[in-house]
């Protein structure tokens, strides 16, 4: 079956659905869902996401140089959808969705209290790429709700059911964790 080239990203599903929260230079807070997101570097720790050029999120990051990536549990699906709506620049999607702000440790932008993990970032750089702007953020603080982490730093997907985006209004959650168990003779090959 032939797929149109500009629909390639639909084959890369599901993708993590996150809320990116920001604060503008006047102190107004914003939160919007994104699924075009990717770790870029471990050392230094850098994460990126792609934004349409006209998003309030991008404007706020350009003003303040900060943002928070909030890891969303599946029970927030209705609230994340509210955050996707187009409200005025001075309207907080966090408040509109009946969510609560969480004070961040290293950046002024708030996290979203109801989420299960938070990645605080400072703007490293941005790059125009086709019809999107790719934002690169240096991770300056990472935290998670106690009990949702396994093996020291992995998100326990079975326990917290992070929301994954398929496309449009379609989402899914992880239903099962599959761990590869290598035979001793196969290890290191």
Protein backbone atom coordinates (compact mmCIF):
# COMPACT_ATOMS: atom_id res chain seq x y z
CA UNK A 1 0.00 0.00 0.00
CA UNK A 2 1.37 3.39 -1.00
CA UNK A 3 1.39 6.15 1.65
CA UNK A 4 1.72 9.83 0.77
CA UNK A 5 5.16 11.09 1.79
CA UNK A 6 3.70 13.96 3.82
CA UNK A 7 1.82 11.39 5.93
CA UNK A 8 5.02 9.53 6.95
CA UNK A 9 4.68 10.68 10.59
CA UNK A 10 1.41 8.77 10.91
CA UNK A 11 3.45 5.57 10.71
CA UNK A 12 5.51 6.66 13.75
CA UNK A 13 2.76 6.09 16.27
CA UNK A 14 2.01 6.10 19.03
CA UNK A 15 4.11 9.00 20.27
CA UNK A 16 4.28 10.39 23.82
CA UNK A 17 1.63 13.05 24.40
CA UNK A 18 3.08 15.69 26.69
CA UNK A 19 1.93 19.06 27.95
CA UNK A 20 4.50 21.80 27.51
CA UNK A 21 3.99 24.58 30.01
CA UNK A 22 5.45 28.05 29.65
CA UNK A 23 5.24 31.53 31.14
CA UNK A 24 5.41 34.71 29.10
CA UNK A 25 7.41 37.80 30.10
CA UNK A 26 4.31 39.29 31.79
CA UNK A 27 3.78 36.22 34.01
CA UNK A 28 0.91 34.61 32.07
CA UNK A 29 1.06 30.81 32.06
CA UNK A 30 0.28 28.50 29.16
CA UNK A 31 0.11 24.75 28.57
CA UNK A 32 -0.32 22.97 25.25
CA UNK A 33 -0.13 19.33 24.15
CA UNK A 34 2.64 18.16 21.81
CA UNK A 35 3.58 14.76 20.40
CA UNK A 36 6.40 15.73 18.02
CA UNK A 37 9.01 15.30 20.79
CA UNK A 38 12.38 13.56 20.97
CA UNK A 39 15.42 13.13 23.23
CA UNK A 40 18.46 14.50 21.36
CA UNK A 41 21.48 14.20 23.67
CA UNK A 42 22.33 12.56 26.99
CA UNK A 43 25.43 14.65 27.73
CA UNK A 44 24.58 17.43 27.78
CA UNK A 45 20.93 16.49 28.38
CA UNK A 46 18.95 18.00 25.49
CA UNK A 47 15.37 17.32 24.37
CA UNK A 48 13.55 18.74 21.36
CA UNK A 49 10.03 19.24 20.13
CA UNK A 50 8.53 20.64 16.95
CA UNK A 51 6.05 23.50 17.10
CA UNK A 52 3.91 25.26 14.53
CA UNK A 53 5.31 28.80 14.22
CA UNK A 54 2.19 30.55 15.55
CA UNK A 55 1.83 28.72 18.90
CA UNK A 56 1.76 30.67 22.18
CA UNK A 57 4.15 28.05 23.56
CA UNK A 58 6.83 29.02 21.05
CA UNK A 59 6.28 32.76 21.59
CA UNK A 60 6.61 32.32 25.37
CA UNK A 61 9.79 30.27 25.05
CA UNK A 62 11.27 32.95 22.81
CA UNK A 63 10.39 35.61 25.42
CA UNK A 64 11.66 33.79 28.52
CA UNK A 65 13.92 30.98 27.31
CA UNK A 66 12.23 28.38 29.55
CA UNK A 67 9.66 25.61 29.45
CA UNK A 68 8.53 22.46 31.26
CA UNK A 69 7.68 19.16 29.60
CA UNK A 70 4.94 17.48 31.67
CA UNK A 71 4.45 13.71 31.33
CA UNK A 72 0.70 13.14 31.13
CA UNK A 73 -1.11 10.13 32.64
CA UNK A 74 -4.06 8.76 30.66
CA UNK A 75 -6.67 9.97 33.12
CA UNK A 76 -5.95 13.56 31.98
CA UNK A 77 -7.06 12.91 28.39
CA UNK A 78 -10.09 15.24 28.57
CA UNK A 79 -8.04 17.98 30.24
CA UNK A 80 -5.19 17.74 27.73
CA UNK A 81 -7.77 18.15 24.97
CA UNK A 82 -9.01 21.36 26.61
CA UNK A 83 -5.40 22.60 26.62
CA UNK A 84 -5.26 22.01 22.85
CA UNK A 85 -7.94 24.65 22.23
CA UNK A 86 -7.03 28.13 21.02
CA UNK A 87 -7.47 30.56 23.88
CA UNK A 88 -6.24 34.15 23.99
CA UNK A 89 -2.60 34.85 24.84
CA UNK A 90 -3.44 35.98 28.39
CA UNK A 91 -5.70 32.98 29.15
CA UNK A 92 -4.20 30.09 31.12
CA UNK A 93 -5.02 26.70 29.61
CA UNK A 94 -3.97 25.22 32.94
CA UNK A 95 -6.85 27.04 34.65
CA UNK A 96 -9.29 26.40 31.77
CA UNK A 97 -8.64 22.65 32.09
CA UNK A 98 -9.08 22.77 35.90
CA UNK A 99 -5.47 21.73 36.41
CA UNK A 100 -3.11 23.10 39.05
CA UNK A 101 0.24 24.78 38.61
CA UNK A 102 3.29 23.20 40.24
CA UNK A 103 6.25 25.36 41.20
CA UNK A 104 9.32 24.39 39.21
CA UNK A 105 12.75 24.01 40.80
CA UNK A 106 15.03 25.70 38.22
CA UNK A 107 12.75 27.63 35.83
CA UNK A 108 9.99 30.21 36.28
CA UNK A 109 7.53 28.33 34.05
CA UNK A 110 5.24 26.15 36.16
CA UNK A 111 4.73 22.44 35.82
CA UNK A 112 1.29 20.84 35.87
CA UNK A 113 0.64 19.26 39.28
CA UNK A 114 -1.55 16.40 38.01
CA UNK A 115 1.17 15.05 35.71
CA UNK A 116 3.50 12.20 36.74
CA UNK A 117 6.88 13.67 35.76
CA UNK A 118 8.40 17.03 34.82
CA UNK A 119 11.39 17.95 32.66
CA UNK A 120 12.44 21.56 33.21
CA UNK A 121 14.32 23.08 30.29
CA UNK A 122 16.16 26.20 29.21
CA UNK A 123 16.14 27.10 25.53
CA UNK A 124 19.33 25.88 23.87
CA UNK A 125 18.43 26.85 20.30
CA UNK A 126 15.70 26.68 17.70
CA UNK A 127 15.78 25.77 14.03
CA UNK A 128 13.28 26.25 11.21
CA UNK A 129 12.53 22.86 9.67
CA UNK A 130 9.88 22.80 6.95
CA UNK A 131 6.57 24.04 8.32
CA UNK A 132 7.66 23.69 11.98
CA UNK A 133 10.19 25.20 14.37
CA UNK A 134 12.31 22.65 16.22
CA UNK A 135 13.01 23.80 19.78
CA UNK A 136 16.00 22.33 21.60
CA UNK A 137 15.94 22.56 25.39
CA UNK A 138 18.75 21.86 27.83
CA UNK A 139 17.33 19.81 30.70
CA UNK A 140 18.07 21.61 33.98
CA UNK A 141 15.87 19.60 36.36
CA UNK A 142 13.89 16.36 36.19
CA UNK A 143 11.46 15.02 38.77
CA UNK A 144 8.63 12.50 39.08
CA UNK A 145 5.89 11.43 41.44
CA UNK A 146 7.20 8.96 44.01
CA UNK A 147 6.19 5.42 43.06
CA UNK A 148 6.03 5.97 39.30
CA UNK A 149 9.72 5.26 38.68
CA UNK A 150 11.32 1.81 38.38
CA UNK A 151 14.99 0.82 38.28
CA UNK A 152 16.08 4.26 39.42
CA UNK A 153 14.94 6.36 36.48
CA UNK A 154 12.54 4.56 34.11
CA UNK A 155 8.92 5.68 34.05
CA UNK A 156 6.73 2.78 35.23
CA UNK A 157 4.40 2.76 32.23
CA UNK A 158 2.27 -0.09 33.54
CA UNK A 159 1.54 1.81 36.75
CA UNK A 160 1.08 5.37 35.48
CA UNK A 161 -0.34 4.72 31.98
CA UNK A 162 1.28 7.65 30.12
CA UNK A 163 -0.88 9.03 27.34
CA UNK A 164 0.29 8.29 23.80
CA UNK A 165 -0.91 10.13 20.70
CA UNK A 166 -1.88 8.19 17.58
CA UNK A 167 -3.12 11.20 15.58
CA UNK A 168 -5.89 13.78 15.60
CA UNK A 169 -8.33 12.84 18.38
CA UNK A 170 -6.93 9.31 18.74
CA UNK A 171 -4.86 8.32 21.78
CA UNK A 172 -3.77 5.07 23.42
CA UNK A 173 -2.02 3.88 26.57
CA UNK A 174 0.58 1.17 27.13
CA UNK A 175 -1.09 -2.10 28.05
CA UNK A 176 1.89 -4.31 28.61
CA UNK A 177 5.63 -4.10 29.24
CA UNK A 178 7.79 -6.55 27.30
CA UNK A 179 11.36 -7.08 28.52
CA UNK A 180 13.98 -8.84 26.42
CA UNK A 181 15.72 -11.62 28.32
CA UNK A 182 18.94 -12.63 26.60
CA UNK A 183 20.45 -16.06 26.90
CA UNK A 184 23.94 -15.90 28.33
CA UNK A 185 25.50 -17.11 25.07
CA UNK A 186 23.69 -14.33 23.12
CA UNK A 187 24.78 -11.49 25.42
CA UNK A 188 27.34 -9.14 23.93
CA UNK A 189 26.96 -10.33 20.34
